[in-house]
N, C-alpha and C. Protein backbone atom coordinates (compact mmCIF):
# COMPACT_ATOMS: atom_id res chain seq x y z
N MET A 1 -5.84 85.79 114.79
CA MET A 1 -6.82 85.58 113.74
C MET A 1 -8.15 86.19 114.18
N THR A 2 -8.81 86.82 113.26
CA THR A 2 -10.11 87.43 113.55
C THR A 2 -11.24 86.44 113.26
N GLU A 3 -12.43 86.79 113.70
CA GLU A 3 -13.60 85.96 113.43
C GLU A 3 -13.88 85.89 111.92
N LYS A 4 -13.62 86.97 111.20
CA LYS A 4 -13.80 86.96 109.75
C LYS A 4 -12.83 85.96 109.10
N GLU A 5 -11.58 86.00 109.51
CA GLU A 5 -10.58 85.08 108.97
C GLU A 5 -10.94 83.63 109.31
N LEU A 6 -11.39 83.41 110.54
CA LEU A 6 -11.81 82.06 110.94
C LEU A 6 -13.00 81.61 110.12
N SER A 7 -13.94 82.50 109.89
CA SER A 7 -15.11 82.18 109.08
C SER A 7 -14.69 81.71 107.69
N ASP A 8 -13.78 82.43 107.08
CA ASP A 8 -13.29 82.07 105.75
C ASP A 8 -12.64 80.69 105.74
N ILE A 9 -11.86 80.40 106.76
CA ILE A 9 -11.19 79.10 106.86
C ILE A 9 -12.21 77.97 107.06
N LEU A 10 -13.17 78.20 107.94
CA LEU A 10 -14.18 77.16 108.21
C LEU A 10 -15.02 76.87 106.97
N ILE A 11 -15.40 77.91 106.24
CA ILE A 11 -16.18 77.72 105.02
C ILE A 11 -15.35 76.97 103.98
N LYS A 12 -14.11 77.36 103.84
CA LYS A 12 -13.22 76.67 102.89
C LYS A 12 -13.12 75.18 103.25
N ASN A 13 -12.96 74.88 104.52
CA ASN A 13 -12.85 73.49 104.96
C ASN A 13 -14.17 72.73 104.78
N ALA A 14 -15.29 73.41 105.01
CA ALA A 14 -16.60 72.77 104.81
C ALA A 14 -16.77 72.36 103.35
N PHE A 15 -16.38 73.24 102.44
CA PHE A 15 -16.46 72.91 101.01
C PHE A 15 -15.45 71.83 100.62
N TYR A 16 -14.29 71.84 101.25
CA TYR A 16 -13.29 70.81 100.98
C TYR A 16 -13.86 69.42 101.30
N TYR A 17 -14.44 69.27 102.50
CA TYR A 17 -15.01 67.97 102.89
C TYR A 17 -16.20 67.59 102.02
N PHE A 18 -17.00 68.58 101.64
CA PHE A 18 -18.14 68.33 100.76
C PHE A 18 -17.67 67.88 99.37
N ASN A 19 -16.70 68.60 98.81
CA ASN A 19 -16.19 68.26 97.48
C ASN A 19 -15.46 66.92 97.45
N ALA A 20 -14.90 66.52 98.59
CA ALA A 20 -14.25 65.21 98.70
C ALA A 20 -15.28 64.11 98.99
N GLN A 21 -16.56 64.49 99.01
CA GLN A 21 -17.68 63.59 99.26
C GLN A 21 -17.63 62.96 100.65
N ASN A 22 -17.09 63.71 101.62
CA ASN A 22 -17.08 63.27 103.01
C ASN A 22 -18.33 63.73 103.76
N THR A 23 -19.04 64.71 103.19
CA THR A 23 -20.29 65.20 103.79
C THR A 23 -21.33 65.32 102.68
N THR A 24 -22.60 65.28 103.06
CA THR A 24 -23.67 65.36 102.06
C THR A 24 -24.02 66.81 101.70
N PHE A 25 -23.53 67.76 102.45
CA PHE A 25 -23.67 69.19 102.15
C PHE A 25 -22.51 69.89 102.85
N PRO A 26 -22.15 71.10 102.43
CA PRO A 26 -21.02 71.79 103.06
C PRO A 26 -21.23 71.98 104.56
N SER A 27 -20.40 71.34 105.35
CA SER A 27 -20.50 71.43 106.81
C SER A 27 -19.18 71.00 107.44
N ILE A 28 -19.03 71.41 108.70
CA ILE A 28 -17.85 71.03 109.46
C ILE A 28 -18.22 71.07 110.95
N VAL A 29 -17.60 70.22 111.72
CA VAL A 29 -17.82 70.15 113.16
C VAL A 29 -16.51 70.55 113.83
N ILE A 30 -16.59 71.49 114.77
CA ILE A 30 -15.39 71.94 115.47
C ILE A 30 -15.57 71.80 116.98
N ASP A 31 -14.46 71.66 117.68
CA ASP A 31 -14.47 71.50 119.12
C ASP A 31 -14.62 72.86 119.81
N LYS A 32 -15.54 72.97 120.73
CA LYS A 32 -15.77 74.23 121.43
C LYS A 32 -14.51 74.72 122.14
N ASN A 33 -13.78 73.81 122.77
CA ASN A 33 -12.58 74.20 123.51
C ASN A 33 -11.52 74.83 122.61
N ASP A 34 -11.40 74.33 121.39
CA ASP A 34 -10.39 74.85 120.46
C ASP A 34 -10.69 76.27 119.99
N TYR A 35 -11.95 76.69 120.09
CA TYR A 35 -12.35 77.99 119.57
C TYR A 35 -12.95 78.89 120.65
N SER A 36 -12.64 78.61 121.90
CA SER A 36 -13.22 79.35 123.01
C SER A 36 -12.75 80.80 123.08
N ASP A 37 -11.64 81.13 122.43
CA ASP A 37 -11.14 82.51 122.44
C ASP A 37 -11.88 83.41 121.45
N PHE A 38 -12.71 82.83 120.62
CA PHE A 38 -13.43 83.61 119.61
C PHE A 38 -14.82 83.99 120.10
N ASN A 39 -15.29 85.13 119.65
CA ASN A 39 -16.63 85.59 119.95
C ASN A 39 -17.57 84.88 118.96
N ILE A 40 -18.34 83.94 119.45
CA ILE A 40 -19.19 83.11 118.59
C ILE A 40 -20.28 83.94 117.91
N GLU A 41 -20.79 84.96 118.57
CA GLU A 41 -21.81 85.81 117.94
C GLU A 41 -21.24 86.56 116.75
N VAL A 42 -20.02 87.05 116.88
CA VAL A 42 -19.36 87.73 115.76
C VAL A 42 -19.06 86.72 114.65
N LEU A 43 -18.59 85.54 115.02
CA LEU A 43 -18.32 84.49 114.05
C LEU A 43 -19.60 84.11 113.31
N LYS A 44 -20.69 84.00 114.04
CA LYS A 44 -21.98 83.66 113.43
C LYS A 44 -22.37 84.71 112.38
N LYS A 45 -22.18 85.98 112.70
CA LYS A 45 -22.51 87.06 111.75
C LYS A 45 -21.66 86.95 110.49
N GLU A 46 -20.38 86.63 110.67
CA GLU A 46 -19.49 86.49 109.52
C GLU A 46 -19.89 85.27 108.67
N LEU A 47 -20.23 84.19 109.32
CA LEU A 47 -20.67 82.99 108.60
C LEU A 47 -21.98 83.26 107.86
N ASN A 48 -22.91 83.95 108.52
CA ASN A 48 -24.20 84.26 107.91
C ASN A 48 -24.05 85.09 106.63
N LYS A 49 -23.06 85.95 106.59
CA LYS A 49 -22.81 86.76 105.39
C LYS A 49 -22.53 85.88 104.18
N ASN A 50 -22.05 84.68 104.44
CA ASN A 50 -21.68 83.76 103.37
C ASN A 50 -22.62 82.55 103.30
N ASN A 51 -23.84 82.74 103.83
CA ASN A 51 -24.86 81.70 103.77
C ASN A 51 -24.52 80.45 104.59
N PHE A 52 -23.79 80.63 105.68
CA PHE A 52 -23.48 79.55 106.61
C PHE A 52 -23.99 79.93 107.99
N ASP A 53 -24.13 78.93 108.84
CA ASP A 53 -24.56 79.18 110.21
C ASP A 53 -23.71 78.33 111.15
N ILE A 54 -23.69 78.71 112.41
CA ILE A 54 -23.03 77.94 113.46
C ILE A 54 -24.06 77.73 114.55
N ILE A 55 -24.08 76.51 115.08
CA ILE A 55 -25.05 76.19 116.11
C ILE A 55 -24.40 75.27 117.14
N ASP A 56 -24.82 75.46 118.38
CA ASP A 56 -24.36 74.60 119.47
C ASP A 56 -24.75 73.16 119.14
N GLY A 57 -23.83 72.26 119.30
CA GLY A 57 -24.08 70.86 118.97
C GLY A 57 -25.28 70.26 119.67
N SER A 58 -25.56 70.68 120.90
CA SER A 58 -26.69 70.12 121.63
C SER A 58 -28.03 70.56 121.04
N LEU A 59 -28.01 71.59 120.19
CA LEU A 59 -29.23 72.10 119.55
C LEU A 59 -29.26 71.79 118.05
N ALA A 60 -28.31 71.05 117.58
CA ALA A 60 -28.13 70.84 116.15
C ALA A 60 -29.30 70.09 115.51
N PRO A 61 -29.66 70.51 114.29
CA PRO A 61 -30.73 69.84 113.54
C PRO A 61 -30.24 68.55 112.90
N GLU A 62 -31.14 67.83 112.26
CA GLU A 62 -30.76 66.65 111.49
C GLU A 62 -29.82 67.07 110.37
N PRO A 63 -28.87 66.30 109.99
CA PRO A 63 -28.54 64.96 110.47
C PRO A 63 -27.64 64.95 111.70
N PHE A 64 -27.21 66.15 112.16
CA PHE A 64 -26.32 66.21 113.32
C PHE A 64 -26.97 65.68 114.59
N ALA A 65 -28.28 65.81 114.69
CA ALA A 65 -29.00 65.42 115.90
C ALA A 65 -28.85 63.93 116.21
N GLN A 66 -28.48 63.15 115.24
CA GLN A 66 -28.34 61.71 115.44
C GLN A 66 -27.07 61.32 116.18
N MET A 67 -26.16 62.26 116.35
CA MET A 67 -24.89 61.98 117.01
C MET A 67 -25.08 61.83 118.52
N GLU A 68 -24.12 61.20 119.15
CA GLU A 68 -24.14 60.97 120.60
C GLU A 68 -24.19 62.29 121.36
N GLU A 69 -25.00 62.36 122.42
CA GLU A 69 -25.13 63.59 123.22
C GLU A 69 -23.79 64.04 123.80
N ASP A 70 -22.99 63.09 124.30
CA ASP A 70 -21.69 63.44 124.88
C ASP A 70 -20.78 64.12 123.87
N PHE A 71 -20.91 63.74 122.62
CA PHE A 71 -20.13 64.34 121.54
C PHE A 71 -20.69 65.71 121.20
N LYS A 72 -22.00 65.79 121.01
CA LYS A 72 -22.64 67.03 120.55
C LYS A 72 -22.42 68.21 121.49
N VAL A 73 -22.46 67.99 122.78
CA VAL A 73 -22.33 69.11 123.72
C VAL A 73 -20.95 69.74 123.71
N LYS A 74 -19.97 69.07 123.14
CA LYS A 74 -18.60 69.58 123.07
C LYS A 74 -18.28 70.25 121.75
N LYS A 75 -19.26 70.33 120.85
CA LYS A 75 -18.98 70.77 119.48
C LYS A 75 -19.84 71.95 119.04
N TRP A 76 -19.31 72.65 118.05
CA TRP A 76 -20.04 73.63 117.27
C TRP A 76 -20.24 73.00 115.90
N PHE A 77 -21.41 73.16 115.33
CA PHE A 77 -21.71 72.64 114.00
C PHE A 77 -21.86 73.83 113.06
N ILE A 78 -21.10 73.82 111.98
CA ILE A 78 -21.15 74.87 110.99
C ILE A 78 -21.66 74.24 109.70
N TYR A 79 -22.67 74.84 109.09
CA TYR A 79 -23.25 74.25 107.89
C TYR A 79 -23.80 75.33 106.98
N GLN A 80 -23.90 75.00 105.70
CA GLN A 80 -24.44 75.93 104.71
C GLN A 80 -25.96 75.94 104.84
N LEU A 81 -26.51 77.14 104.88
CA LEU A 81 -27.96 77.30 104.98
C LEU A 81 -28.63 76.92 103.68
N LYS A 82 -29.82 76.36 103.79
CA LYS A 82 -30.63 76.10 102.61
C LYS A 82 -31.18 77.41 102.11
N LYS A 83 -31.57 77.45 100.85
CA LYS A 83 -32.09 78.69 100.25
C LYS A 83 -33.24 79.28 101.04
N GLU A 84 -34.18 78.45 101.52
CA GLU A 84 -35.35 78.97 102.24
C GLU A 84 -35.02 79.48 103.63
N GLU A 85 -33.82 79.20 104.16
CA GLU A 85 -33.42 79.67 105.48
C GLU A 85 -32.84 81.08 105.42
N ASN A 86 -32.58 81.61 104.24
CA ASN A 86 -31.96 82.93 104.12
C ASN A 86 -32.87 84.03 104.57
């Protein structure tokens, strides 16, 4: 699987959780170990093309910042950018 294909899957899943009212905006949290074979910079570029971003959990903004530190350092946070962030 390529970073583009992964990007498409992650965005689809983010919208799935949002539409199921499991999240307050399109977002998904993934485990760093599960995706260590992917180039995160390339993935970030693919996500950005679709108005999404990926950020290290330890640097994540609100509301992700409220999560436990031990949890955050093991995760990547993918979320839809707000209009003013474009």
